[in-house]
């Protein structure tokens, strides 16, 4: 069983930055991927970024160049640094871990955190 706990969300003005953190209860970095998803009200859960066991990274096109996913295996922690935030980035952000499968698809992930709210004001 893996428990994931996100933190770092909050209210920020457009153009600002936030760093989200996801702490895992056990070592997860040997798993296929750890990722961030987000879900805005009335919308489906959307892939944001992933980092694989080998360190390869993937990003949603709309956050590429503004966001960086990273991990610290000594702390069992994954991060998402988000810069130049826009109102359309407003959502609940979830971290998740997968044993395999397509990194872009929510159904590939078997453990999820409870989410952290990110609100970007104009």
C-alpha atoms as a PDB file:
ATOM      1  CA  UNK A   1       0.000   0.000   0.000  1.00  0.00           C
ATOM      2  CA  UNK A   2       1.304   3.434  -0.968  1.00  0.00           C
ATOM      3  CA  UNK A   3       0.061   6.648   0.584  1.00  0.00           C
ATOM      4  CA  UNK A   4       0.652   9.926  -1.217  1.00  0.00           C
ATOM      5  CA  UNK A   5       0.233  13.338   0.402  1.00  0.00           C
ATOM      6  CA  UNK A   6       0.298  16.544  -1.616  1.00  0.00           C
ATOM      7  CA  UNK A   7       1.003  20.025  -0.326  1.00  0.00           C
ATOM      8  CA  UNK A   8       1.988  23.437  -1.613  1.00  0.00           C
ATOM      9  CA  UNK A   9      -1.216  24.562  -3.248  1.00  0.00           C
ATOM     10  CA  UNK A  10      -2.779  27.937  -2.583  1.00  0.00           C
ATOM     11  CA  UNK A  11      -3.984  31.211  -4.027  1.00  0.00           C
ATOM     12  CA  UNK A  12      -1.567  33.041  -6.295  1.00  0.00           C
ATOM     13  CA  UNK A  13      -1.828  35.911  -8.739  1.00  0.00           C
ATOM     14  CA  UNK A  14      -1.429  35.314 -12.440  1.00  0.00           C
ATOM     15  CA  UNK A  15       2.243  35.288 -13.337  1.00  0.00           C
ATOM     16  CA  UNK A  16       3.235  33.933  -9.949  1.00  0.00           C
ATOM     17  CA  UNK A  17       4.803  30.631  -8.961  1.00  0.00           C
ATOM     18  CA  UNK A  18       4.060  27.662  -6.745  1.00  0.00           C
ATOM     19  CA  UNK A  19       5.908  24.494  -5.873  1.00  0.00           C
ATOM     20  CA  UNK A  20       3.784  21.449  -5.192  1.00  0.00           C
ATOM     21  CA  UNK A  21       5.156  18.533  -3.193  1.00  0.00           C
ATOM     22  CA  UNK A  22       4.064  14.911  -2.995  1.00  0.00           C
ATOM     23  CA  UNK A  23       5.418  12.741  -0.201  1.00  0.00           C
ATOM     24  CA  UNK A  24       5.133   8.982  -0.545  1.00  0.00           C
ATOM     25  CA  UNK A  25       4.853   6.642   2.430  1.00  0.00           C
ATOM     26  CA  UNK A  26       7.243   4.164   0.862  1.00  0.00           C
ATOM     27  CA  UNK A  27       9.891   4.226  -1.802  1.00  0.00           C
ATOM     28  CA  UNK A  28       8.102   4.618  -5.117  1.00  0.00           C
ATOM     29  CA  UNK A  29      10.813   5.690  -7.451  1.00  0.00           C
ATOM     30  CA  UNK A  30      11.362   2.174  -8.742  1.00  0.00           C
ATOM     31  CA  UNK A  31       7.776   2.167  -9.989  1.00  0.00           C
ATOM     32  CA  UNK A  32       7.080   2.957 -13.620  1.00  0.00           C
ATOM     33  CA  UNK A  33       6.139   6.593 -13.134  1.00  0.00           C
ATOM     34  CA  UNK A  34       5.082   9.246 -10.709  1.00  0.00           C
ATOM     35  CA  UNK A  35       2.904  11.978 -12.070  1.00  0.00           C
ATOM     36  CA  UNK A  36       0.790  15.047 -11.513  1.00  0.00           C
ATOM     37  CA  UNK A  37      -2.762  15.332 -12.751  1.00  0.00           C
ATOM     38  CA  UNK A  38      -5.255  18.139 -12.276  1.00  0.00           C
ATOM     39  CA  UNK A  39      -8.996  18.505 -12.333  1.00  0.00           C
ATOM     40  CA  UNK A  40     -10.896  21.745 -12.732  1.00  0.00           C
ATOM     41  CA  UNK A  41     -14.592  22.043 -11.837  1.00  0.00           C
ATOM     42  CA  UNK A  42     -16.771  20.424 -14.463  1.00  0.00           C
ATOM     43  CA  UNK A  43     -13.801  18.998 -16.344  1.00  0.00           C
ATOM     44  CA  UNK A  44     -12.159  15.609 -16.558  1.00  0.00           C
ATOM     45  CA  UNK A  45      -8.927  14.805 -14.790  1.00  0.00           C
ATOM     46  CA  UNK A  46      -6.022  15.932 -16.965  1.00  0.00           C
ATOM     47  CA  UNK A  47      -2.407  14.795 -17.157  1.00  0.00           C
ATOM     48  CA  UNK A  48       0.091  17.525 -16.236  1.00  0.00           C
ATOM     49  CA  UNK A  49       3.540  15.981 -15.864  1.00  0.00           C
ATOM     50  CA  UNK A  50       5.286  12.679 -15.193  1.00  0.00           C
ATOM     51  CA  UNK A  51       8.712  11.414 -14.231  1.00  0.00           C
ATOM     52  CA  UNK A  52       9.649   7.789 -14.855  1.00  0.00           C
ATOM     53  CA  UNK A  53      11.890   5.486 -12.850  1.00  0.00           C
ATOM     54  CA  UNK A  54      14.710   6.339 -15.282  1.00  0.00           C
ATOM     55  CA  UNK A  55      14.196  10.085 -14.845  1.00  0.00           C
ATOM     56  CA  UNK A  56      12.518  10.724 -18.171  1.00  0.00           C
ATOM     57  CA  UNK A  57       9.968  13.511 -17.993  1.00  0.00           C
ATOM     58  CA  UNK A  58       6.735  14.239 -19.817  1.00  0.00           C
ATOM     59  CA  UNK A  59       4.609  17.397 -19.818  1.00  0.00           C
ATOM     60  CA  UNK A  60       1.233  18.632 -20.930  1.00  0.00           C
ATOM     61  CA  UNK A  61       1.875  21.000 -23.825  1.00  0.00           C
ATOM     62  CA  UNK A  62       0.222  23.939 -22.092  1.00  0.00           C
ATOM     63  CA  UNK A  63       2.574  23.731 -19.070  1.00  0.00           C
ATOM     64  CA  UNK A  64       5.755  22.851 -20.968  1.00  0.00           C
ATOM     65  CA  UNK A  65       8.377  25.525 -20.455  1.00  0.00           C
ATOM     66  CA  UNK A  66       6.573  26.842 -17.370  1.00  0.00           C
ATOM     67  CA  UNK A  67       6.737  23.775 -15.152  1.00  0.00           C
ATOM     68  CA  UNK A  68       9.389  21.368 -13.934  1.00  0.00           C
ATOM     69  CA  UNK A  69       8.800  17.963 -12.384  1.00  0.00           C
ATOM     70  CA  UNK A  70      11.513  16.534 -10.168  1.00  0.00           C
ATOM     71  CA  UNK A  71      12.052  14.104  -7.334  1.00  0.00           C
ATOM     72  CA  UNK A  72      14.231  13.587  -4.285  1.00  0.00           C
ATOM     73  CA  UNK A  73      14.533   9.865  -3.675  1.00  0.00           C
ATOM     74  CA  UNK A  74      16.173  10.432  -0.292  1.00  0.00           C
ATOM     75  CA  UNK A  75      12.949  12.096   0.870  1.00  0.00           C
ATOM     76  CA  UNK A  76      10.484   9.958  -1.118  1.00  0.00           C
ATOM     77  CA  UNK A  77       9.207  13.265  -2.488  1.00  0.00           C
ATOM     78  CA  UNK A  78       8.194  14.500  -5.904  1.00  0.00           C
ATOM     79  CA  UNK A  79       7.842  18.152  -6.827  1.00  0.00           C
ATOM     80  CA  UNK A  80       6.125  20.265  -9.442  1.00  0.00           C
ATOM     81  CA  UNK A  81       7.522  23.755  -9.818  1.00  0.00           C
ATOM     82  CA  UNK A  82       5.018  25.910 -11.687  1.00  0.00           C
ATOM     83  CA  UNK A  83       5.928  29.368 -12.961  1.00  0.00           C
ATOM     84  CA  UNK A  84       4.092  32.041 -14.943  1.00  0.00           C
ATOM     85  CA  UNK A  85       0.815  30.680 -13.648  1.00  0.00           C
ATOM     86  CA  UNK A  86      -2.360  31.412 -15.591  1.00  0.00           C
ATOM     87  CA  UNK A  87      -6.012  31.382 -14.584  1.00  0.00           C
ATOM     88  CA  UNK A  88      -6.487  28.218 -16.632  1.00  0.00           C
ATOM     89  CA  UNK A  89      -4.069  26.437 -14.293  1.00  0.00           C
ATOM     90  CA  UNK A  90      -6.681  26.677 -11.536  1.00  0.00           C
ATOM     91  CA  UNK A  91      -7.577  23.147 -10.450  1.00  0.00           C
ATOM     92  CA  UNK A  92      -7.112  20.508  -7.800  1.00  0.00           C
ATOM     93  CA  UNK A  93      -3.722  18.916  -8.372  1.00  0.00           C
ATOM     94  CA  UNK A  94      -3.213  15.236  -7.624  1.00  0.00           C
ATOM     95  CA  UNK A  95      -0.090  13.143  -7.500  1.00  0.00           C
ATOM     96  CA  UNK A  96      -0.232   9.519  -8.516  1.00  0.00           C
ATOM     97  CA  UNK A  97       2.013   6.538  -9.053  1.00  0.00           C
ATOM     98  CA  UNK A  98       1.803   3.772 -11.623  1.00  0.00           C
ATOM     99  CA  UNK A  99       3.285   0.291 -11.882  1.00  0.00           C
ATOM    100  CA  UNK A 100       3.148   0.450 -15.660  1.00  0.00           C
ATOM    101  CA  UNK A 101       1.107   1.550 -18.653  1.00  0.00           C
ATOM    102  CA  UNK A 102       0.619   4.804 -20.486  1.00  0.00           C
ATOM    103  CA  UNK A 103       1.795   7.725 -18.333  1.00  0.00           C
ATOM    104  CA  UNK A 104      -0.840  10.039 -19.827  1.00  0.00           C
ATOM    105  CA  UNK A 105      -3.836   7.896 -18.834  1.00  0.00           C
ATOM    106  CA  UNK A 106      -5.364   8.114 -15.329  1.00  0.00           C
ATOM    107  CA  UNK A 107      -6.375   4.456 -15.416  1.00  0.00           C
ATOM    108  CA  UNK A 108      -2.682   3.473 -15.457  1.00  0.00           C
ATOM    109  CA  UNK A 109      -2.293   4.764 -11.901  1.00  0.00           C
ATOM    110  CA  UNK A 110      -3.145   2.678  -8.872  1.00  0.00           C
ATOM    111  CA  UNK A 111      -2.358   5.092  -6.044  1.00  0.00           C
ATOM    112  CA  UNK A 112      -3.531   8.691  -5.727  1.00  0.00           C
ATOM    113  CA  UNK A 113      -3.172  11.481  -3.230  1.00  0.00           C
ATOM    114  CA  UNK A 114      -6.053  13.517  -1.874  1.00  0.00           C
ATOM    115  CA  UNK A 115      -5.227  16.584  -3.959  1.00  0.00           C
ATOM    116  CA  UNK A 116      -4.181  20.158  -3.296  1.00  0.00           C
ATOM    117  CA  UNK A 117      -6.069  23.190  -4.574  1.00  0.00           C
ATOM    118  CA  UNK A 118      -4.309  25.695  -6.827  1.00  0.00           C
ATOM    119  CA  UNK A 119      -6.187  28.902  -7.538  1.00  0.00           C
ATOM    120  CA  UNK A 120      -4.758  31.524  -9.875  1.00  0.00           C
ATOM    121  CA  UNK A 121      -6.396  34.947  -9.737  1.00  0.00           C
ATOM    122  CA  UNK A 122      -6.308  37.545 -12.484  1.00  0.00           C
END
